[in-house]
């Protein structure tokens, strides 16, 4: 059941910062690019309750993104390292 009027659970800021740092390091993000890490919630069948999205904006080319099927607090450096090259955000 959805709580339409209550406060949404918030992602752990420390976990978001850790994942962002790992992504910047492991993806060799240039200084003129931005790494954005967010948690998305999904209520559809077959998708995780919460996934972490890592996006690299600007720098050398188009916006690129990855999804990790768990909350940021549970994402490890190894999870980020295993992502490989990011896919363009516009890809399905």
C-alpha atoms as a PDB file:
ATOM      1  CA  UNK A   1       0.000   0.000   0.000  1.00  0.00           C
ATOM      2  CA  UNK A   2       1.183   3.506  -0.807  1.00  0.00           C
ATOM      3  CA  UNK A   3       1.354   6.298   1.746  1.00  0.00           C
ATOM      4  CA  UNK A   4       0.344   9.153  -0.560  1.00  0.00           C
ATOM      5  CA  UNK A   5       0.481  11.859   2.065  1.00  0.00           C
ATOM      6  CA  UNK A   6       3.283  10.704   4.369  1.00  0.00           C
ATOM      7  CA  UNK A   7       6.944  11.451   4.157  1.00  0.00           C
ATOM      8  CA  UNK A   8       8.950   9.272   1.774  1.00  0.00           C
ATOM      9  CA  UNK A   9      11.855   7.296   3.218  1.00  0.00           C
ATOM     10  CA  UNK A  10      15.109   9.066   2.426  1.00  0.00           C
ATOM     11  CA  UNK A  11      18.282   7.533   1.100  1.00  0.00           C
ATOM     12  CA  UNK A  12      21.249   7.471   3.478  1.00  0.00           C
ATOM     13  CA  UNK A  13      23.377  10.529   2.525  1.00  0.00           C
ATOM     14  CA  UNK A  14      26.570   8.755   3.601  1.00  0.00           C
ATOM     15  CA  UNK A  15      25.803   5.779   1.361  1.00  0.00           C
ATOM     16  CA  UNK A  16      25.001   8.072  -1.568  1.00  0.00           C
ATOM     17  CA  UNK A  17      28.333   9.883  -1.078  1.00  0.00           C
ATOM     18  CA  UNK A  18      30.266   6.582  -0.911  1.00  0.00           C
ATOM     19  CA  UNK A  19      28.689   5.254  -4.121  1.00  0.00           C
ATOM     20  CA  UNK A  20      29.286   8.601  -5.846  1.00  0.00           C
ATOM     21  CA  UNK A  21      32.976   8.539  -4.840  1.00  0.00           C
ATOM     22  CA  UNK A  22      33.442   4.953  -6.007  1.00  0.00           C
ATOM     23  CA  UNK A  23      31.789   5.733  -9.344  1.00  0.00           C
ATOM     24  CA  UNK A  24      33.912   8.847  -9.901  1.00  0.00           C
ATOM     25  CA  UNK A  25      37.066   6.867  -9.129  1.00  0.00           C
ATOM     26  CA  UNK A  26      36.244   3.637 -10.980  1.00  0.00           C
ATOM     27  CA  UNK A  27      34.776   5.344 -14.069  1.00  0.00           C
ATOM     28  CA  UNK A  28      37.627   7.915 -14.253  1.00  0.00           C
ATOM     29  CA  UNK A  29      35.105  10.754 -14.317  1.00  0.00           C
ATOM     30  CA  UNK A  30      36.721  13.982 -15.564  1.00  0.00           C
ATOM     31  CA  UNK A  31      36.613  17.136 -13.439  1.00  0.00           C
ATOM     32  CA  UNK A  32      34.097  18.796 -15.783  1.00  0.00           C
ATOM     33  CA  UNK A  33      31.539  15.985 -15.329  1.00  0.00           C
ATOM     34  CA  UNK A  34      29.015  15.333 -12.567  1.00  0.00           C
ATOM     35  CA  UNK A  35      28.220  12.011 -10.893  1.00  0.00           C
ATOM     36  CA  UNK A  36      24.653  11.756  -9.648  1.00  0.00           C
ATOM     37  CA  UNK A  37      23.442   8.878  -7.433  1.00  0.00           C
ATOM     38  CA  UNK A  38      19.760   8.435  -6.607  1.00  0.00           C
ATOM     39  CA  UNK A  39      17.482   5.753  -5.220  1.00  0.00           C
ATOM     40  CA  UNK A  40      14.293   4.953  -7.093  1.00  0.00           C
ATOM     41  CA  UNK A  41      11.368   3.025  -5.652  1.00  0.00           C
ATOM     42  CA  UNK A  42       9.275   0.690  -7.787  1.00  0.00           C
ATOM     43  CA  UNK A  43       5.970  -1.023  -7.025  1.00  0.00           C
ATOM     44  CA  UNK A  44       5.704  -2.929 -10.322  1.00  0.00           C
ATOM     45  CA  UNK A  45       5.958  -6.706 -10.455  1.00  0.00           C
ATOM     46  CA  UNK A  46       9.445  -7.956 -11.221  1.00  0.00           C
ATOM     47  CA  UNK A  47      11.404  -4.871 -10.285  1.00  0.00           C
ATOM     48  CA  UNK A  48      13.268  -4.418  -7.004  1.00  0.00           C
ATOM     49  CA  UNK A  49      11.591  -2.367  -4.266  1.00  0.00           C
ATOM     50  CA  UNK A  50      14.519   0.057  -4.439  1.00  0.00           C
ATOM     51  CA  UNK A  51      17.272   0.457  -7.020  1.00  0.00           C
ATOM     52  CA  UNK A  52      20.266   2.753  -7.084  1.00  0.00           C
ATOM     53  CA  UNK A  53      20.875   4.725 -10.262  1.00  0.00           C
ATOM     54  CA  UNK A  54      24.349   6.091 -11.004  1.00  0.00           C
ATOM     55  CA  UNK A  55      24.532   8.714 -13.770  1.00  0.00           C
ATOM     56  CA  UNK A  56      27.526  10.541 -15.232  1.00  0.00           C
ATOM     57  CA  UNK A  57      26.562  13.874 -16.789  1.00  0.00           C
ATOM     58  CA  UNK A  58      28.776  16.044 -18.972  1.00  0.00           C
ATOM     59  CA  UNK A  59      32.445  15.501 -19.554  1.00  0.00           C
ATOM     60  CA  UNK A  60      33.402  13.328 -22.511  1.00  0.00           C
ATOM     61  CA  UNK A  61      30.119  12.603 -24.203  1.00  0.00           C
ATOM     62  CA  UNK A  62      26.478  11.910 -23.494  1.00  0.00           C
ATOM     63  CA  UNK A  63      24.875  11.265 -20.139  1.00  0.00           C
ATOM     64  CA  UNK A  64      25.568   7.672 -19.111  1.00  0.00           C
ATOM     65  CA  UNK A  65      23.822   5.612 -16.438  1.00  0.00           C
ATOM     66  CA  UNK A  66      23.824   2.345 -14.494  1.00  0.00           C
ATOM     67  CA  UNK A  67      21.279   0.677 -12.247  1.00  0.00           C
ATOM     68  CA  UNK A  68      22.059  -1.493  -9.222  1.00  0.00           C
ATOM     69  CA  UNK A  69      19.016  -3.453  -7.975  1.00  0.00           C
ATOM     70  CA  UNK A  70      19.392  -2.563  -4.287  1.00  0.00           C
ATOM     71  CA  UNK A  71      19.419   0.442  -1.962  1.00  0.00           C
ATOM     72  CA  UNK A  72      22.551   2.602  -1.948  1.00  0.00           C
ATOM     73  CA  UNK A  73      23.324   1.514   1.627  1.00  0.00           C
ATOM     74  CA  UNK A  74      23.758  -2.056   0.330  1.00  0.00           C
ATOM     75  CA  UNK A  75      25.826  -1.189  -2.764  1.00  0.00           C
ATOM     76  CA  UNK A  76      29.497  -2.166  -2.491  1.00  0.00           C
ATOM     77  CA  UNK A  77      32.555  -0.908  -4.336  1.00  0.00           C
ATOM     78  CA  UNK A  78      32.624  -4.309  -6.035  1.00  0.00           C
ATOM     79  CA  UNK A  79      29.046  -3.765  -7.277  1.00  0.00           C
ATOM     80  CA  UNK A  80      30.113  -0.485  -8.881  1.00  0.00           C
ATOM     81  CA  UNK A  81      33.306  -2.000 -10.323  1.00  0.00           C
ATOM     82  CA  UNK A  82      31.296  -4.840 -11.896  1.00  0.00           C
ATOM     83  CA  UNK A  83      29.099  -2.400 -13.831  1.00  0.00           C
ATOM     84  CA  UNK A  84      31.610  -1.899 -16.614  1.00  0.00           C
ATOM     85  CA  UNK A  85      31.133   0.923 -19.112  1.00  0.00           C
ATOM     86  CA  UNK A  86      27.969   2.916 -18.499  1.00  0.00           C
ATOM     87  CA  UNK A  87      25.214   2.761 -21.085  1.00  0.00           C
ATOM     88  CA  UNK A  88      23.725   5.920 -22.604  1.00  0.00           C
ATOM     89  CA  UNK A  89      20.750   7.080 -20.529  1.00  0.00           C
ATOM     90  CA  UNK A  90      18.562   7.193 -23.638  1.00  0.00           C
ATOM     91  CA  UNK A  91      18.985   3.448 -24.319  1.00  0.00           C
ATOM     92  CA  UNK A  92      16.021   1.260 -23.316  1.00  0.00           C
END
